[in-house]
Amino acid sequence: MKVAYAKLRFRNMTQIYIGENVSLFMKSFYFFDWLIAFIIHGASISNYFLYGFYKKRYNEKKEYITYRRLLKIQDICNKIIEDRQLCRDKIKFNNHFNNYLGRKWIDFNQCTLEEFDHFVNSVNSFFVKDNNGSRGIGVSEYKTEETDIRQLYRRLTKDKDNHYILEEKIIQTSELSKFHPWSVNTIRIVSVYDDKNDILYIMNARLRMGNKKNHADNFHFDGIVANIDIETGVITSVGHDIYNNAYIYHPITGKQIVGFKIPYWTDCKKFVENVARDIPSVRYIGWDIVVQQDGCFLLIEGNDNADHDIQQLHNCGLWKQYKKIMKTLS
């Protein structure tokens, strides 16, 4: 089954990134070239195509964080497996970082009908999320005035296979909402914390935008990602999606991506510094942050296995930077 999936995945990625009319000889060439990249660099099929390994030399490929190298980063930075779970369990995460969330939320499996009713009527809109969901999967939005509260409570109660949390809908700053108002467009900042010397390294930053009127801004859910200059907060690259499309302007709203300056950028970095120090045993984390009006920041989640692909879509490998820092941690 895994072999069949790999073949299908490789064929689909070849069509997206190289084209439909590829000869059998070239398909074979790319496949064996990927096998070599997998053996030498640990590149997954997605790595091979997303990073353009099919047109890069050895010296270029060795600069990229591949799937195998990501595992090495995690093994060195996030050694305590139990603490990683704090990032993967939404309820544990929300309890630990409650002071940074800036929104109301409730654990459905631990609340009564009265508590459920009180929460829903205290907000205008809310999301129901699967506690173990990821990449925007298992998320539904509800407007309080349009929701039959008791019917929703009964439906969620009958679902014994899932654990749900409810969260108040977030209002983002209008400047970022204009990119794609159907989703909350978050800032992804990846940090590495040197707990021995109390130094936080901001490795990279990205603006994540929704697309196709989806409620999620996740890159793997049709979202668009663009590079943010760490020093200035200015977007320095075109937007990219997983289908190898590049965007100077957002394809739906027409808002220009390149050159946009993230509001309150200096304060945003300080926010990350404070949050990262609150979980010193998990040193490599990708933080998803919402910028609100008047320079307020909300924490959405922290990813101990933050995707390495969106960190390097601006055609620049970051493996050398990570290796340098990890030498001081291991």
Protein backbone atom coordinates (compact mmCIF):
# COMPACT_ATOMS: atom_id res chain seq x y z
CA MET A 1 0.00 0.00 0.00
CA LYS A 2 2.84 2.38 0.87
CA VAL A 3 4.61 1.63 -2.41
CA ALA A 4 1.41 2.25 -4.37
CA TYR A 5 0.87 5.54 -2.54
CA ALA A 6 4.47 6.62 -3.18
CA LYS A 7 4.09 5.93 -6.91
CA LEU A 8 0.85 7.91 -7.07
CA ARG A 9 2.36 10.74 -5.05
CA PHE A 10 5.43 10.89 -7.28
CA ARG A 11 3.33 10.90 -10.45
CA ASN A 12 1.07 13.69 -9.18
CA MET A 13 3.99 15.84 -8.04
CA THR A 14 5.74 15.32 -11.38
CA GLN A 15 2.67 16.61 -13.20
CA ILE A 16 2.35 19.64 -10.93
CA TYR A 17 5.99 20.72 -10.84
CA ILE A 18 7.43 19.51 -14.14
CA GLY A 19 4.45 19.14 -16.43
CA GLU A 20 2.02 16.74 -18.04
CA ASN A 21 4.08 15.88 -21.11
CA VAL A 22 7.07 14.16 -19.53
CA SER A 23 8.65 11.27 -21.37
CA LEU A 24 9.04 7.87 -19.74
CA PHE A 25 12.81 8.31 -19.82
CA MET A 26 12.62 11.61 -17.92
CA LYS A 27 10.12 10.20 -15.43
CA SER A 28 12.57 7.39 -14.72
CA PHE A 29 15.40 9.90 -14.41
CA TYR A 30 13.50 12.00 -11.87
CA PHE A 31 12.51 8.93 -9.88
CA PHE A 32 16.06 7.66 -9.56
CA ASP A 33 17.31 11.17 -8.90
CA TRP A 34 14.83 11.37 -6.02
CA LEU A 35 16.03 7.99 -4.68
CA ILE A 36 19.58 9.35 -4.59
CA ALA A 37 18.36 12.53 -2.84
CA PHE A 38 16.49 10.36 -0.36
CA ILE A 39 19.52 8.21 0.41
CA ILE A 40 22.04 11.07 0.63
CA HIS A 41 19.94 13.96 1.95
CA GLY A 42 16.86 12.29 3.42
CA ALA A 43 14.53 14.11 1.04
CA SER A 44 10.91 13.05 0.91
CA ILE A 45 9.00 13.14 -2.36
CA SER A 46 7.50 16.49 -1.33
CA ASN A 47 10.95 17.84 -0.46
CA TYR A 48 12.29 16.80 -3.84
CA PHE A 49 9.68 18.75 -5.77
CA LEU A 50 8.92 21.67 -3.44
CA TYR A 51 12.61 22.59 -3.17
CA GLY A 52 13.25 22.05 -6.87
CA PHE A 53 15.82 19.31 -6.22
CA TYR A 54 15.23 18.05 -9.78
CA LYS A 55 17.11 21.11 -11.03
CA LYS A 56 19.64 21.57 -8.22
CA ARG A 57 23.21 20.35 -7.78
CA TYR A 58 24.55 18.43 -4.79
CA ASN A 59 26.01 21.54 -3.13
CA GLU A 60 22.61 23.23 -3.30
CA LYS A 61 20.65 20.22 -2.03
CA LYS A 62 22.82 19.83 1.05
CA GLU A 63 21.74 23.29 2.22
CA TYR A 64 18.10 22.30 2.71
CA ILE A 65 16.29 20.93 5.73
CA THR A 66 14.79 17.68 4.48
CA TYR A 67 12.46 15.35 6.35
CA ARG A 68 15.39 13.36 7.81
CA ARG A 69 17.14 16.54 8.90
CA LEU A 70 13.92 17.80 10.50
CA LEU A 71 13.86 14.65 12.62
CA LYS A 72 17.42 15.41 13.69
CA ILE A 73 16.40 18.95 14.71
CA GLN A 74 13.57 17.53 16.78
CA ASP A 75 15.75 14.88 18.41
CA ILE A 76 18.29 17.48 19.51
CA CYS A 77 15.95 20.34 20.41
CA ASN A 78 12.87 18.51 21.69
CA LYS A 79 14.23 15.50 23.53
CA ILE A 80 11.44 15.12 26.08
CA ILE A 81 8.66 13.29 24.25
CA GLU A 82 6.08 13.98 26.97
CA ASP A 83 6.63 17.73 26.71
CA ARG A 84 6.13 17.62 22.94
CA GLN A 85 2.61 16.40 23.62
CA LEU A 86 1.84 19.75 25.19
CA CYS A 87 1.96 21.20 21.67
CA ARG A 88 -0.12 18.41 20.14
CA ASP A 89 -3.00 18.33 22.61
CA LYS A 90 -5.08 21.49 22.18
CA ILE A 91 -6.59 21.28 25.65
CA LYS A 92 -3.22 20.89 27.38
CA PHE A 93 -1.80 23.64 25.19
CA ASN A 94 -4.66 26.05 25.93
CA ASN A 95 -4.41 25.41 29.67
CA HIS A 96 -0.65 25.99 29.69
CA PHE A 97 -0.69 29.10 27.49
CA ASN A 98 -4.04 30.51 28.62
CA ASN A 99 -2.54 33.95 29.33
CA TYR A 100 -1.49 34.28 25.69
CA LEU A 101 -4.67 33.06 23.96
CA GLY A 102 -6.76 36.22 24.25
CA ARG A 103 -10.02 34.37 23.56
CA LYS A 104 -12.65 32.37 25.39
CA TRP A 105 -12.62 28.59 25.12
CA ILE A 106 -14.11 25.52 26.75
CA ASP A 107 -13.38 21.79 26.89
CA PHE A 108 -16.63 20.28 25.61
CA ASN A 109 -16.05 16.86 27.16
CA GLN A 110 -15.72 18.42 30.60
CA CYS A 111 -18.65 20.85 30.50
CA THR A 112 -22.32 20.62 31.39
CA LEU A 113 -25.18 21.78 29.19
CA GLU A 114 -25.44 24.91 31.32
CA GLU A 115 -21.73 25.69 30.90
CA PHE A 116 -21.98 24.97 27.18
CA ASP A 117 -24.99 27.27 26.88
CA HIS A 118 -23.22 30.02 28.85
CA PHE A 119 -20.13 29.86 26.64
CA VAL A 120 -22.05 29.94 23.35
CA ASN A 121 -24.19 32.87 24.46
CA SER A 122 -21.16 34.83 25.63
CA VAL A 123 -19.69 35.04 22.11
CA ASN A 124 -20.96 36.03 18.68
CA SER A 125 -19.22 33.26 16.74
CA PHE A 126 -17.20 30.22 17.72
CA PHE A 127 -15.29 27.25 16.33
CA VAL A 128 -15.72 23.61 17.24
CA LYS A 129 -12.37 21.83 16.93
CA ASP A 130 -11.29 18.23 17.16
CA ASN A 131 -8.72 18.16 19.95
CA ASN A 132 -6.43 15.95 17.85
CA GLY A 133 -7.07 17.65 14.52
CA SER A 134 -4.41 19.45 12.51
CA ARG A 135 -3.97 21.50 9.33
CA GLY A 136 -7.45 22.97 9.66
CA ILE A 137 -9.09 19.53 9.51
CA GLY A 138 -11.92 18.88 11.95
CA VAL A 139 -12.85 22.55 12.42
CA SER A 140 -16.37 23.95 12.04
CA GLU A 141 -17.54 27.56 12.49
CA TYR A 142 -20.87 28.54 14.07
CA LYS A 143 -22.67 31.85 14.57
CA THR A 144 -24.47 31.98 17.89
CA GLU A 145 -27.64 33.60 16.59
CA GLU A 146 -27.99 30.94 13.88
CA THR A 147 -27.21 27.92 16.08
CA ASP A 148 -29.64 25.60 17.84
CA ILE A 149 -27.56 25.24 20.98
CA ARG A 150 -29.27 22.19 22.43
CA GLN A 151 -29.24 20.35 19.11
CA LEU A 152 -25.50 21.02 18.70
CA TYR A 153 -24.87 19.89 22.27
CA ARG A 154 -26.72 16.62 21.67
CA ARG A 155 -24.89 15.98 18.40
CA LEU A 156 -21.46 16.52 19.94
CA THR A 157 -22.39 14.44 22.96
CA LYS A 158 -23.34 11.48 20.77
CA ASP A 159 -19.93 11.57 19.08
CA LYS A 160 -17.95 9.37 21.45
CA ASP A 161 -14.99 8.97 19.08
CA ASN A 162 -13.78 12.58 19.22
CA HIS A 163 -12.79 15.08 21.88
CA TYR A 164 -13.90 18.63 21.09
CA ILE A 165 -13.01 22.09 22.27
CA LEU A 166 -14.91 25.29 21.51
CA GLU A 167 -13.09 28.56 20.91
CA GLU A 168 -14.31 32.09 20.41
CA LYS A 169 -13.80 33.42 16.88
CA ILE A 170 -10.78 35.67 16.56
CA ILE A 171 -10.87 39.14 15.03
CA GLN A 172 -7.63 39.99 13.23
CA THR A 173 -6.30 43.38 12.23
CA SER A 174 -7.99 44.72 9.10
CA GLU A 175 -4.64 45.08 7.34
CA LEU A 176 -4.11 41.32 7.36
CA SER A 177 -7.77 40.45 6.90
CA LYS A 178 -7.72 42.19 3.52
CA PHE A 179 -5.52 39.44 2.08
CA HIS A 180 -8.22 36.80 2.61
CA PRO A 181 -11.12 37.80 4.90
CA TRP A 182 -12.58 34.28 4.98
CA SER A 183 -9.71 33.00 7.17
CA VAL A 184 -7.57 34.21 10.02
CA ASN A 185 -4.23 34.94 8.34
CA THR A 186 -1.53 34.08 10.84
CA ILE A 187 2.14 34.83 11.30
CA ARG A 188 4.27 31.66 11.58
CA ILE A 189 7.49 32.33 13.50
CA VAL A 190 9.87 29.43 14.05
CA SER A 191 12.17 29.76 17.04
CA VAL A 192 14.94 27.77 18.70
CA TYR A 193 15.51 28.42 22.38
CA ASP A 194 18.93 27.97 23.96
CA ASP A 195 17.76 27.33 27.51
CA LYS A 196 21.31 27.06 28.85
CA ASN A 197 22.25 30.59 27.83
CA ASP A 198 18.71 32.03 27.71
CA ILE A 199 18.99 33.01 24.05
CA LEU A 200 16.04 32.83 21.67
CA TYR A 201 16.82 32.50 17.98
CA ILE A 202 14.11 33.48 15.52
CA MET A 203 14.96 31.27 12.59
CA ASN A 204 12.40 32.52 10.07
CA ALA A 205 8.97 34.06 9.72
CA ARG A 206 6.13 33.62 7.24
CA LEU A 207 2.78 35.18 6.54
CA ARG A 208 0.19 32.47 5.99
CA MET A 209 -2.89 33.42 4.00
CA GLY A 210 -6.02 31.45 3.25
CA ASN A 211 -7.21 30.93 -0.31
CA LYS A 212 -10.32 29.78 -2.19
CA LYS A 213 -12.49 31.17 0.64
CA ASN A 214 -11.40 28.34 2.97
CA HIS A 215 -11.56 29.02 6.70
CA ALA A 216 -7.96 27.79 7.24
CA ASP A 217 -4.72 29.46 6.15
CA ASN A 218 -2.72 26.23 6.25
CA PHE A 219 -0.25 25.71 3.38
CA HIS A 220 -1.36 22.08 3.05
CA PHE A 221 -5.00 23.20 2.87
CA ASP A 222 -4.63 25.37 -0.27
CA GLY A 223 -3.09 28.26 1.67
CA ILE A 224 -0.46 30.73 0.47
CA VAL A 225 2.85 31.44 2.26
CA ALA A 226 5.28 34.34 1.86
CA ASN A 227 8.62 35.10 3.51
CA ILE A 228 8.90 37.87 6.12
CA ASP A 229 12.24 39.57 6.68
CA ILE A 230 13.06 38.95 10.33
CA GLU A 231 14.63 42.37 10.91
CA THR A 232 12.12 44.63 9.16
CA GLY A 233 8.86 42.65 9.05
CA VAL A 234 8.56 43.30 5.31
CA ILE A 235 7.44 40.50 2.98
CA THR A 236 10.37 39.86 0.65
CA SER A 237 9.08 37.04 -1.53
CA VAL A 238 6.11 36.25 -3.70
CA GLY A 239 3.44 34.03 -2.18
CA HIS A 240 3.67 30.29 -2.85
CA ASP A 241 1.13 27.51 -2.66
CA ILE A 242 1.57 23.76 -2.63
CA TYR A 243 0.66 23.54 -6.33
CA ASN A 244 3.80 25.43 -7.42
CA ASN A 245 1.94 28.68 -8.09
CA ALA A 246 3.58 32.00 -7.28
CA TYR A 247 1.61 35.13 -6.44
CA ILE A 248 2.61 38.78 -6.38
CA TYR A 249 -1.01 39.59 -5.56
CA HIS A 250 -3.52 37.45 -3.69
CA PRO A 251 -5.50 35.59 -6.40
CA ILE A 252 -8.91 36.37 -4.87
CA THR A 253 -8.62 39.80 -3.27
CA GLY A 254 -5.87 41.25 -5.44
CA LYS A 255 -3.99 42.63 -2.41
CA GLN A 256 -0.26 42.94 -3.10
CA ILE A 257 1.84 40.46 -1.13
CA VAL A 258 5.41 41.52 -1.93
CA GLY A 259 6.48 44.59 0.02
CA PHE A 260 3.72 44.45 2.65
CA LYS A 261 4.98 45.32 6.14
CA ILE A 262 3.59 43.30 9.03
CA PRO A 263 2.09 45.73 11.58
CA TYR A 264 3.63 45.93 15.06
CA TRP A 265 6.46 43.65 13.97
CA THR A 266 8.93 44.47 16.76
CA ASP A 267 6.28 43.80 19.39
CA CYS A 268 5.33 40.58 17.62
CA LYS A 269 8.89 39.25 18.01
CA LYS A 270 8.88 40.21 21.70
CA PHE A 271 5.64 38.30 22.11
CA VAL A 272 7.31 35.18 20.70
CA GLU A 273 10.28 35.61 23.03
CA ASN A 274 7.96 35.58 26.04
CA VAL A 275 5.92 32.61 24.83
CA ALA A 276 8.95 30.48 23.93
CA ARG A 277 10.46 30.91 27.39
CA ASP A 278 7.26 29.48 28.87
CA ILE A 279 8.12 26.01 27.54
CA PRO A 280 11.94 25.78 27.72
CA SER A 281 12.11 21.99 27.33
CA VAL A 282 10.63 22.17 23.80
CA ARG A 283 13.23 24.32 22.13
CA TYR A 284 12.19 24.07 18.47
CA ILE A 285 8.65 25.37 17.87
CA GLY A 286 6.71 27.05 15.08
CA TRP A 287 4.37 29.62 16.65
CA ASP A 288 1.14 30.67 14.92
CA ILE A 289 0.22 34.20 15.93
CA VAL A 290 -2.69 36.50 15.18
CA VAL A 291 -2.14 40.26 14.99
CA GLN A 292 -5.08 42.28 16.24
CA GLN A 293 -5.88 45.99 16.16
CA ASP A 294 -3.80 48.24 18.41
CA GLY A 295 -0.88 45.81 18.58
CA CYS A 296 -2.48 42.98 20.52
CA PHE A 297 -1.31 39.43 19.78
CA LEU A 298 -3.04 36.09 20.21
CA LEU A 299 -1.41 32.69 20.24
CA ILE A 300 -3.14 30.05 18.12
CA GLU A 301 -0.80 27.11 18.60
CA GLY A 302 2.79 25.97 18.85
CA ASN A 303 4.10 23.22 16.57
CA ASP A 304 6.96 21.12 17.91
CA ASN A 305 7.22 19.56 14.43
CA ALA A 306 6.85 22.82 12.51
CA ASP A 307 6.81 22.17 8.76
CA HIS A 308 10.25 22.58 7.24
CA ASP A 309 8.87 23.06 3.74
CA ILE A 310 7.23 26.46 4.20
CA GLN A 311 10.39 27.72 5.90
CA GLN A 312 12.38 27.29 2.69
CA LEU A 313 9.96 28.05 -0.13
CA HIS A 314 11.74 31.31 -0.93
CA ASN A 315 14.47 29.18 -2.56
CA CYS A 316 16.91 29.34 0.32
CA GLY A 317 18.01 26.34 2.40
CA LEU A 318 18.33 26.87 6.15
CA TRP A 319 20.14 23.70 7.24
CA LYS A 320 23.46 25.49 7.82
CA GLN A 321 21.84 28.01 10.19
CA TYR A 322 20.17 25.27 12.20
CA LYS A 323 23.32 23.14 12.43
CA LYS A 324 25.30 26.07 13.81
CA ILE A 325 22.81 26.63 16.63
CA MET A 326 22.28 22.94 17.39
CA LYS A 327 26.00 22.54 18.13
CA THR A 328 25.47 24.73 21.19
CA LEU A 329 22.42 22.70 22.31
CA SER A 330 23.52 19.07 21.98
